C-alpha atoms as a PDB file:
ATOM      1  CA  MET A   1      -4.642  -1.838   4.020  1.00  0.00           C
ATOM      2  CA  ASN A   2      -1.217  -0.620   5.200  1.00  0.00           C
ATOM      3  CA  GLY A   3      -0.221  -4.215   5.979  1.00  0.00           C
ATOM      4  CA  ILE A   4      -1.144  -5.374   2.481  1.00  0.00           C
ATOM      5  CA  LYS A   5       0.723  -2.438   0.942  1.00  0.00           C
ATOM      6  CA  THR A   6       3.834  -3.243   2.982  1.00  0.00           C
ATOM      7  CA  ALA A   7       3.747  -6.927   2.017  1.00  0.00           C
ATOM      8  CA  LEU A   8       3.439  -6.017  -1.656  1.00  0.00           C
ATOM      9  CA  LEU A   9       6.347  -3.568  -1.420  1.00  0.00           C
ATOM     10  CA  LEU A  10       8.569  -6.127   0.306  1.00  0.00           C
ATOM     11  CA  GLY A  11       7.709  -8.632  -2.395  1.00  0.00           C
ATOM     12  CA  LEU A  12       8.598  -6.066  -5.037  1.00  0.00           C
ATOM     13  CA  LEU A  13      11.905  -5.343  -3.312  1.00  0.00           C
ATOM     14  CA  SER A  14      12.781  -9.052  -3.268  1.00  0.00           C
ATOM     15  CA  SER A  15      11.798  -9.319  -6.922  1.00  0.00           C
ATOM     16  CA  VAL A  16      14.181  -6.528  -7.866  1.00  0.00           C
ATOM     17  CA  LEU A  17      16.979  -8.426  -6.154  1.00  0.00           C
ATOM     18  CA  LEU A  18      16.182 -11.706  -7.888  1.00  0.00           C
ATOM     19  CA  VAL A  19      15.600 -10.185 -11.330  1.00  0.00           C
ATOM     20  CA  GLY A  20      18.794  -8.173 -10.964  1.00  0.00           C
ATOM     21  CA  GLY A  21      20.710 -11.322 -10.126  1.00  0.00           C
ATOM     22  CA  GLN A  22      19.376 -13.018 -13.241  1.00  0.00           C
ATOM     23  CA  ALA A  23      20.255  -9.981 -15.353  1.00  0.00           C
ATOM     24  CA  LEU A  24      23.837 -10.207 -14.165  1.00  0.00           C
ATOM     25  CA  GLY A  25      24.418 -13.936 -14.423  1.00  0.00           C
ATOM     26  CA  GLY A  26      21.412 -15.831 -15.703  1.00  0.00           C
ATOM     27  CA  ARG A  27      20.405 -18.795 -13.569  1.00  0.00           C
ATOM     28  CA  GLN A  28      23.571 -18.579 -11.495  1.00  0.00           C
ATOM     29  CA  GLY A  29      22.922 -14.892 -10.890  1.00  0.00           C
ATOM     30  CA  LEU A  30      19.334 -15.610  -9.892  1.00  0.00           C
ATOM     31  CA  PHE A  31      20.590 -18.190  -7.408  1.00  0.00           C
ATOM     32  CA  LEU A  32      23.149 -15.661  -6.086  1.00  0.00           C
ATOM     33  CA  GLY A  33      20.416 -13.073  -5.595  1.00  0.00           C
ATOM     34  CA  LEU A  34      18.276 -15.594  -3.700  1.00  0.00           C
ATOM     35  CA  ILE A  35      21.176 -16.591  -1.432  1.00  0.00           C
ATOM     36  CA  MET A  36      21.982 -12.936  -0.718  1.00  0.00           C
ATOM     37  CA  ALA A  37      18.346 -12.236   0.188  1.00  0.00           C
ATOM     38  CA  VAL A  38      18.153 -15.190   2.580  1.00  0.00           C
ATOM     39  CA  VAL A  39      21.510 -14.508   4.271  1.00  0.00           C
ATOM     40  CA  MET A  40      20.944 -10.773   4.711  1.00  0.00           C
ATOM     41  CA  ASN A  41      17.394 -11.257   6.005  1.00  0.00           C
ATOM     42  CA  PHE A  42      18.700 -13.819   8.518  1.00  0.00           C
ATOM     43  CA  ALA A  43      21.410 -11.414   9.696  1.00  0.00           C
ATOM     44  CA  SER A  44      18.989  -8.507  10.025  1.00  0.00           C
ATOM     45  CA  TYR A  45      16.510 -10.662  11.955  1.00  0.00           C
ATOM     46  CA  PHE A  46      18.961 -11.679  14.662  1.00  0.00           C
ATOM     47  CA  PHE A  47      21.557  -8.910  14.853  1.00  0.00           C
ATOM     48  CA  SER A  48      20.117  -5.571  13.705  1.00  0.00           C
ATOM     49  CA  ASP A  49      19.106  -4.525  17.240  1.00  0.00           C
ATOM     50  CA  LYS A  50      22.536  -5.211  18.742  1.00  0.00           C
ATOM     51  CA  ILE A  51      24.272  -3.367  15.917  1.00  0.00           C
ATOM     52  CA  ALA A  52      22.028  -0.307  16.193  1.00  0.00           C
ATOM     53  CA  LEU A  53      22.290  -0.026  19.991  1.00  0.00           C
ATOM     54  CA  SER A  54      26.056  -0.433  19.887  1.00  0.00           C
ATOM     55  CA  MET A  55      26.408   2.093  17.072  1.00  0.00           C
ATOM     56  CA  TYR A  56      24.765   4.828  19.163  1.00  0.00           C
ATOM     57  CA  ARG A  57      26.486   3.859  22.436  1.00  0.00           C
ATOM     58  CA  ALA A  58      23.138   3.125  24.071  1.00  0.00           C
ATOM     59  CA  GLN A  59      23.188   2.454  27.825  1.00  0.00           C
ATOM     60  CA  PRO A  60      20.611   0.250  29.604  1.00  0.00           C
ATOM     61  CA  VAL A  61      17.843   1.826  31.653  1.00  0.00           C
ATOM     62  CA  SER A  62      16.298  -0.016  34.582  1.00  0.00           C
ATOM     63  CA  PRO A  63      15.381   0.601  38.244  1.00  0.00           C
ATOM     64  CA  THR A  64      19.094   0.075  39.079  1.00  0.00           C
ATOM     65  CA  GLU A  65      20.768   1.457  35.925  1.00  0.00           C
ATOM     66  CA  ASN A  66      20.202   5.087  34.934  1.00  0.00           C
ATOM     67  CA  HIS A  67      17.392   5.032  37.477  1.00  0.00           C
ATOM     68  CA  GLN A  68      16.550   8.719  37.024  1.00  0.00           C
ATOM     69  CA  VAL A  69      15.831   8.101  33.363  1.00  0.00           C
ATOM     70  CA  TYR A  70      13.832   5.014  34.310  1.00  0.00           C
ATOM     71  CA  ALA A  71      11.711   7.083  36.675  1.00  0.00           C
ATOM     72  CA  ARG A  72      10.604   9.211  33.717  1.00  0.00           C
ATOM     73  CA  ILE A  73       9.999   6.574  31.067  1.00  0.00           C
ATOM     74  CA  GLY A  74       9.765   3.224  32.882  1.00  0.00           C
ATOM     75  CA  PRO A  75       6.289   3.411  34.466  1.00  0.00           C
ATOM     76  CA  MET A  76       4.970   5.218  31.385  1.00  0.00           C
ATOM     77  CA  THR A  77       6.260   2.458  29.114  1.00  0.00           C
ATOM     78  CA  GLU A  78       4.842  -0.295  31.322  1.00  0.00           C
ATOM     79  CA  HIS A  79       1.416   1.367  31.353  1.00  0.00           C
ATOM     80  CA  LEU A  80       1.356   1.766  27.572  1.00  0.00           C
ATOM     81  CA  CYS A  81       2.525  -1.822  27.029  1.00  0.00           C
ATOM     82  CA  SER A  82      -0.292  -3.060  29.231  1.00  0.00           C
ATOM     83  CA  ARG A  83      -2.808  -1.151  27.139  1.00  0.00           C
ATOM     84  CA  MET A  84      -1.279  -2.368  23.863  1.00  0.00           C
ATOM     85  CA  GLY A  85      -1.007  -5.970  25.022  1.00  0.00           C
ATOM     86  CA  ILE A  86       2.719  -6.352  24.319  1.00  0.00           C
ATOM     87  CA  PRO A  87       5.692  -7.285  26.538  1.00  0.00           C
ATOM     88  CA  VAL A  88       7.642  -4.420  28.099  1.00  0.00           C
ATOM     89  CA  PRO A  89      10.746  -3.821  25.945  1.00  0.00           C
ATOM     90  CA  LYS A  90      14.248  -3.150  27.231  1.00  0.00           C
ATOM     91  CA  LEU A  91      14.882   0.561  27.669  1.00  0.00           C
ATOM     92  CA  TRP A  92      18.036   2.432  26.636  1.00  0.00           C
ATOM     93  CA  ILE A  93      19.434   5.956  26.824  1.00  0.00           C
ATOM     94  CA  ILE A  94      21.616   7.408  24.063  1.00  0.00           C
ATOM     95  CA  PRO A  95      24.168  10.094  25.072  1.00  0.00           C
ATOM     96  CA  GLU A  96      23.148  12.593  22.383  1.00  0.00           C
ATOM     97  CA  HIS A  97      21.854  16.166  22.726  1.00  0.00           C
ATOM     98  CA  SER A  98      19.672  15.936  19.638  1.00  0.00           C
ATOM     99  CA  PRO A  99      16.162  14.783  20.668  1.00  0.00           C
ATOM    100  CA  ASN A 100      15.147  11.540  18.982  1.00  0.00           C
ATOM    101  CA  ALA A 101      14.147   7.934  19.674  1.00  0.00           C
ATOM    102  CA  PHE A 102      13.915   4.570  17.982  1.00  0.00           C
ATOM    103  CA  ALA A 103      12.696   1.028  18.553  1.00  0.00           C
ATOM    104  CA  THR A 104      14.554  -2.094  17.501  1.00  0.00           C
ATOM    105  CA  GLY A 105      14.366  -5.862  17.926  1.00  0.00           C
ATOM    106  CA  ARG A 106      13.172  -8.840  15.911  1.00  0.00           C
ATOM    107  CA  ASN A 107       9.792  -9.268  17.623  1.00  0.00           C
ATOM    108  CA  PRO A 108       7.768  -7.957  20.601  1.00  0.00           C
ATOM    109  CA  LYS A 109       9.464 -10.436  22.975  1.00  0.00           C
ATOM    110  CA  HIS A 110      12.948  -9.266  21.944  1.00  0.00           C
ATOM    111  CA  ALA A 111      12.450  -5.515  21.539  1.00  0.00           C
ATOM    112  CA  SER A 112      14.167  -2.364  22.770  1.00  0.00           C
ATOM    113  CA  VAL A 113      13.271   1.307  22.863  1.00  0.00           C
ATOM    114  CA  ALA A 114      16.062   3.895  22.964  1.00  0.00           C
ATOM    115  CA  VAL A 115      15.706   7.617  23.641  1.00  0.00           C
ATOM    116  CA  THR A 116      18.323  10.350  23.593  1.00  0.00           C
ATOM    117  CA  HIS A 117      19.239  12.606  26.495  1.00  0.00           C
ATOM    118  CA  GLY A 118      18.064  15.489  24.361  1.00  0.00           C
ATOM    119  CA  LEU A 119      14.573  14.032  24.091  1.00  0.00           C
ATOM    120  CA  LEU A 120      14.187  13.913  27.870  1.00  0.00           C
ATOM    121  CA  GLN A 121      15.391  17.501  28.165  1.00  0.00           C
ATOM    122  CA  VAL A 122      12.889  19.076  25.762  1.00  0.00           C
ATOM    123  CA  MET A 123       9.736  16.956  26.137  1.00  0.00           C
ATOM    124  CA  ASP A 124       7.073  17.324  28.789  1.00  0.00           C
ATOM    125  CA  ALA A 125       5.254  14.248  30.117  1.00  0.00           C
ATOM    126  CA  ARG A 126       2.446  14.347  27.554  1.00  0.00           C
ATOM    127  CA  GLU A 127       4.857  14.721  24.618  1.00  0.00           C
ATOM    128  CA  LEU A 128       7.159  12.024  25.937  1.00  0.00           C
ATOM    129  CA  GLU A 129       4.206   9.655  26.237  1.00  0.00           C
ATOM    130  CA  GLY A 130       3.384  10.327  22.577  1.00  0.00           C
ATOM    131  CA  VAL A 131       6.945   9.511  21.501  1.00  0.00           C
ATOM    132  CA  ILE A 132       7.142   6.332  23.580  1.00  0.00           C
ATOM    133  CA  ALA A 133       3.725   5.228  22.299  1.00  0.00           C
ATOM    134  CA  HIS A 134       4.907   5.770  18.711  1.00  0.00           C
ATOM    135  CA  GLU A 135       7.935   3.541  19.265  1.00  0.00           C
ATOM    136  CA  LEU A 136       5.858   0.891  21.031  1.00  0.00           C
ATOM    137  CA  ALA A 137       3.467   1.008  18.073  1.00  0.00           C
ATOM    138  CA  HIS A 138       6.358   0.009  15.805  1.00  0.00           C
ATOM    139  CA  ILE A 139       6.930  -2.983  18.082  1.00  0.00           C
ATOM    140  CA  LYS A 140       3.254  -3.936  18.191  1.00  0.00           C
ATOM    141  CA  ASN A 141       2.968  -3.643  14.398  1.00  0.00           C
ATOM    142  CA  ARG A 142       6.282  -5.514  13.872  1.00  0.00           C
ATOM    143  CA  ASP A 143       7.590  -2.606  11.841  1.00  0.00           C
ATOM    144  CA  ILE A 144      11.139  -3.094  13.142  1.00  0.00           C
ATOM    145  CA  LEU A 145      11.525  -6.431  11.412  1.00  0.00           C
ATOM    146  CA  ILE A 146       9.862  -5.143   8.240  1.00  0.00           C
ATOM    147  CA  SER A 147      12.160  -2.105   8.084  1.00  0.00           C
ATOM    148  CA  SER A 148      15.251  -4.216   8.779  1.00  0.00           C
ATOM    149  CA  ILE A 149      14.382  -6.634   5.997  1.00  0.00           C
ATOM    150  CA  ALA A 150      13.724  -3.751   3.602  1.00  0.00           C
ATOM    151  CA  ALA A 151      17.031  -2.131   4.489  1.00  0.00           C
ATOM    152  CA  THR A 152      19.070  -5.308   4.036  1.00  0.00           C
ATOM    153  CA  LEU A 153      17.342  -6.173   0.762  1.00  0.00           C
ATOM    154  CA  GLY A 154      18.042  -2.654  -0.439  1.00  0.00           C
ATOM    155  CA  ALA A 155      21.696  -2.998   0.525  1.00  0.00           C
ATOM    156  CA  ALA A 156      21.888  -6.337  -1.302  1.00  0.00           C
ATOM    157  CA  ILE A 157      20.395  -4.793  -4.445  1.00  0.00           C
ATOM    158  CA  THR A 158      22.890  -1.940  -4.327  1.00  0.00           C
ATOM    159  CA  TYR A 159      25.770  -4.383  -3.871  1.00  0.00           C
ATOM    160  CA  LEU A 160      24.500  -6.570  -6.692  1.00  0.00           C
ATOM    161  CA  SER A 161      24.149  -3.576  -8.993  1.00  0.00           C
ATOM    162  CA  HIS A 162      27.758  -2.591  -8.350  1.00  0.00           C
ATOM    163  CA  MET A 163      28.795  -6.079  -9.391  1.00  0.00           C
ATOM    164  CA  ALA A 164      27.329  -5.229 -12.791  1.00  0.00           C
ATOM    165  CA  PHE A 165      30.032  -2.627 -13.263  1.00  0.00           C
ATOM    166  CA  PHE A 166      32.722  -5.277 -12.936  1.00  0.00           C
ATOM    167  CA  LEU A 167      30.954  -8.231 -14.535  1.00  0.00           C
ATOM    168  CA  GLY A 168      28.997  -6.459 -17.237  1.00  0.00           C
ATOM    169  CA  GLY A 169      26.670  -9.431 -17.646  1.00  0.00           C
ATOM    170  CA  ARG A 170      27.349 -12.524 -19.691  1.00  0.00           C
ATOM    171  CA  ARG A 171      25.993 -13.647 -23.038  1.00  0.00           C
ATOM    172  CA  ASP A 172      22.248 -13.448 -23.485  1.00  0.00           C
ATOM    173  CA  ASP A 173      21.158 -17.105 -23.418  1.00  0.00           C
ATOM    174  CA  ASP A 174      19.518 -19.522 -21.000  1.00  0.00           C
ATOM    175  CA  GLU A 175      22.611 -19.793 -18.809  1.00  0.00           C
ATOM    176  CA  GLY A 176      24.065 -16.311 -18.995  1.00  0.00           C
ATOM    177  CA  GLY A 177      22.877 -12.836 -18.214  1.00  0.00           C
ATOM    178  CA  SER A 178      22.281  -9.930 -20.531  1.00  0.00           C
ATOM    179  CA  PRO A 179      24.868  -7.123 -20.822  1.00  0.00           C
ATOM    180  CA  LEU A 180      21.992  -4.704 -21.378  1.00  0.00           C
ATOM    181  CA  GLY A 181      20.253  -6.061 -18.295  1.00  0.00           C
ATOM    182  CA  ALA A 182      23.435  -5.551 -16.297  1.00  0.00           C
ATOM    183  CA  ILE A 183      23.569  -1.897 -17.354  1.00  0.00           C
ATOM    184  CA  PHE A 184      19.960  -1.352 -16.362  1.00  0.00           C
ATOM    185  CA  MET A 185      20.612  -3.061 -13.034  1.00  0.00           C
ATOM    186  CA  LEU A 186      23.590  -0.824 -12.373  1.00  0.00           C
ATOM    187  CA  ILE A 187      21.584   2.338 -13.008  1.00  0.00           C
ATOM    188  CA  LEU A 188      18.060   1.464 -11.945  1.00  0.00           C
ATOM    189  CA  GLY A 189      18.617  -1.160  -9.236  1.00  0.00           C
ATOM    190  CA  PRO A 190      19.695   1.162  -6.410  1.00  0.00           C
ATOM    191  CA  ILE A 191      17.083   3.759  -7.382  1.00  0.00           C
ATOM    192  CA  ALA A 192      14.282   1.177  -7.339  1.00  0.00           C
ATOM    193  CA  ALA A 193      15.484  -0.190  -3.985  1.00  0.00           C
ATOM    194  CA  MET A 194      15.619   3.285  -2.468  1.00  0.00           C
ATOM    195  CA  LEU A 195      12.136   4.260  -3.679  1.00  0.00           C
ATOM    196  CA  ILE A 196      10.575   1.039  -2.405  1.00  0.00           C
ATOM    197  CA  GLN A 197      12.323   1.381   0.971  1.00  0.00           C
ATOM    198  CA  MET A 198      11.018   4.940   1.299  1.00  0.00           C
ATOM    199  CA  ALA A 199       7.482   3.840   0.497  1.00  0.00           C
ATOM    200  CA  ILE A 200       7.645   1.084   3.132  1.00  0.00           C
ATOM    201  CA  SER A 201       9.123   3.374   5.769  1.00  0.00           C
ATOM    202  CA  ARG A 202       6.619   6.164   5.198  1.00  0.00           C
ATOM    203  CA  THR A 203       3.686   3.773   5.328  1.00  0.00           C
ATOM    204  CA  ARG A 204       4.857   2.355   8.648  1.00  0.00           C
ATOM    205  CA  GLU A 205       5.413   5.820  10.167  1.00  0.00           C
ATOM    206  CA  PHE A 206       1.842   6.875   9.437  1.00  0.00           C
ATOM    207  CA  SER A 207       0.559   3.625  10.953  1.00  0.00           C
ATOM    208  CA  ALA A 208       2.679   4.043  14.099  1.00  0.00           C
ATOM    209  CA  ASP A 209       1.418   7.601  14.561  1.00  0.00           C
ATOM    210  CA  ALA A 210      -2.200   6.449  14.348  1.00  0.00           C
ATOM    211  CA  THR A 211      -1.571   3.554  16.745  1.00  0.00           C
ATOM    212  CA  ALA A 212       0.108   5.884  19.243  1.00  0.00           C
ATOM    213  CA  ALA A 213      -2.858   8.249  19.167  1.00  0.00           C
ATOM    214  CA  LYS A 214      -5.225   5.325  19.711  1.00  0.00           C
ATOM    215  CA  TYR A 215      -3.505   3.984  22.822  1.00  0.00           C
ATOM    216  CA  THR A 216      -2.689   7.322  24.444  1.00  0.00           C
ATOM    217  CA  GLY A 217      -6.276   8.388  23.864  1.00  0.00           C
ATOM    218  CA  THR A 218      -5.339  11.585  22.040  1.00  0.00           C
ATOM    219  CA  PRO A 219      -3.115  12.719  19.155  1.00  0.00           C
ATOM    220  CA  HIS A 220      -2.205  16.014  20.829  1.00  0.00           C
ATOM    221  CA  GLY A 221       0.841  14.814  22.745  1.00  0.00           C
ATOM    222  CA  LEU A 222       2.455  13.300  19.653  1.00  0.00           C
ATOM    223  CA  VAL A 223       1.537  16.338  17.537  1.00  0.00           C
ATOM    224  CA  SER A 224       3.319  18.636  19.980  1.00  0.00           C
ATOM    225  CA  ALA A 225       6.293  16.252  20.171  1.00  0.00           C
ATOM    226  CA  LEU A 226       6.647  16.093  16.379  1.00  0.00           C
ATOM    227  CA  GLN A 227       6.606  19.878  16.162  1.00  0.00           C
ATOM    228  CA  LYS A 228       9.415  20.109  18.708  1.00  0.00           C
ATOM    229  CA  LEU A 229      11.392  17.312  17.058  1.00  0.00           C
ATOM    230  CA  GLU A 230      11.165  19.006  13.668  1.00  0.00           C
ATOM    231  CA  ASN A 231      12.503  22.271  15.080  1.00  0.00           C
ATOM    232  CA  TYR A 232      15.283  20.734  17.157  1.00  0.00           C
ATOM    233  CA  SER A 233      16.469  18.401  14.386  1.00  0.00           C
ATOM    234  CA  LYS A 234      17.387  21.478  12.364  1.00  0.00           C
ATOM    235  CA  ARG A 235      19.167  23.175  15.258  1.00  0.00           C
ATOM    236  CA  ILE A 236      20.895  20.097  16.706  1.00  0.00           C
ATOM    237  CA  PRO A 237      21.252  17.489  13.942  1.00  0.00           C
ATOM    238  CA  LEU A 238      22.011  13.939  14.981  1.00  0.00           C
ATOM    239  CA  GLU A 239      24.950  12.312  13.232  1.00  0.00           C
ATOM    240  CA  ALA A 240      23.387   9.041  12.218  1.00  0.00           C
ATOM    241  CA  SER A 241      24.205   6.320   9.734  1.00  0.00           C
ATOM    242  CA  PRO A 242      22.037   6.408   6.591  1.00  0.00           C
ATOM    243  CA  ALA A 243      21.475   2.674   7.118  1.00  0.00           C
ATOM    244  CA  THR A 244      19.653   3.346  10.409  1.00  0.00           C
ATOM    245  CA  ALA A 245      17.967   6.677   9.615  1.00  0.00           C
ATOM    246  CA  HIS A 246      14.634   4.933   9.020  1.00  0.00           C
ATOM    247  CA  MET A 247      14.564   3.697  12.623  1.00  0.00           C
ATOM    248  CA  PHE A 248      14.209   7.090  14.288  1.00  0.00           C
ATOM    249  CA  ILE A 249      10.896   8.800  15.011  1.00  0.00           C
ATOM    250  CA  ILE A 250      12.034  11.742  12.898  1.00  0.00           C
ATOM    251  CA  LYS A 251      14.709  11.832  10.210  1.00  0.00           C
ATOM    252  CA  PRO A 252      18.009  12.618  12.014  1.00  0.00           C
ATOM    253  CA  PHE A 253      19.370  14.855   9.274  1.00  0.00           C
ATOM    254  CA  SER A 254      19.012  18.542   8.466  1.00  0.00           C
ATOM    255  CA  GLY A 255      19.560  18.173   4.733  1.00  0.00           C
ATOM    256  CA  GLN A 256      18.504  20.434   1.908  1.00  0.00           C
ATOM    257  CA  ALA A 257      15.383  20.109  -0.228  1.00  0.00           C
ATOM    258  CA  LEU A 258      16.824  17.336  -2.425  1.00  0.00           C
ATOM    259  CA  ALA A 259      17.700  15.233   0.619  1.00  0.00           C
ATOM    260  CA  ARG A 260      14.187  15.692   1.992  1.00  0.00           C
ATOM    261  CA  LEU A 261      12.730  14.613  -1.338  1.00  0.00           C
ATOM    262  CA  PHE A 262      14.378  11.203  -0.865  1.00  0.00           C
ATOM    263  CA  SER A 263      13.563  10.941   2.836  1.00  0.00           C
ATOM    264  CA  THR A 264      12.686   7.715   4.632  1.00  0.00           C
ATOM    265  CA  HIS A 265      10.105   9.666   6.655  1.00  0.00           C
ATOM    266  CA  PRO A 266       6.935  11.458   5.571  1.00  0.00           C
ATOM    267  CA  ALA A 267       6.976  15.226   5.887  1.00  0.00           C
ATOM    268  CA  THR A 268       6.298  16.176   9.507  1.00  0.00           C
ATOM    269  CA  GLU A 269       3.535  18.494   8.323  1.00  0.00           C
ATOM    270  CA  GLN A 270       1.765  15.533   6.707  1.00  0.00           C
ATOM    271  CA  ARG A 271       2.071  13.443   9.841  1.00  0.00           C
ATOM    272  CA  ILE A 272       0.673  16.233  11.987  1.00  0.00           C
ATOM    273  CA  ALA A 273      -2.202  16.840   9.566  1.00  0.00           C
ATOM    274  CA  ARG A 274      -3.194  13.161   9.648  1.00  0.00           C
ATOM    275  CA  LEU A 275      -3.011  13.076  13.442  1.00  0.00           C
ATOM    276  CA  ARG A 276      -5.185  16.191  13.773  1.00  0.00           C
ATOM    277  CA  ALA A 277      -7.724  14.617  11.434  1.00  0.00           C
ATOM    278  CA  ILE A 278      -8.186  11.813  13.980  1.00  0.00           C
ATOM    279  CA  VAL A 279      -9.850  14.183  16.457  1.00  0.00           C
END
């Protein structure tokens, strides 16, 4: 059911982009919207992981690089991957005190999992296993690619809507766009993109939580980890780009109520409640 919901939301997001392009420039605008969707999806498919890892100064983790970190998460990751039936991803450490983690990569064969120094400092073995399992669940469920596509489509819609401010639409006939449509695109386009992205992201987070509980054999480790992450994110916020906020296991901002209303993540209390209902 979650997979069908995600596919429908991605289709809706693409439709907003194409309809917005037509509103701005008729058939030419529709073609522009299609080209933007294809190009940005291609870029996100091949380069989103490299951009994200570079942005957060991630360092590789292996038996010979950052071997102490590897000793904590390497064997654990390999064991979980064996149970999930996926290749072992590349491991990375991010030099940040705020505890958090994310997975990235275009498919299970080209995936990475990154954790912060802060995460290793505050999590015990059971909690750390829950976090790693959550990120591996994103890889198994191919959520990384889905989220990347949603983010790039959303960015394209926002860019296209800003074009409306300068172009204002053309005459309302078969070849040109509608000025009224351009105004609606300017106002409603970014809002629609943001709401659809949030719906996709929240759906995938719930699914990853459930998958993590399944393959660790219990939801308790992840429940405890989420409680700690919620508390520490308020005390030690992570300075993260809004474009990559959806990637992290918990939203890396300590915003006010309005910011939480438009969050890419479900409320931690909701996630915990659903996990406890699994027992």
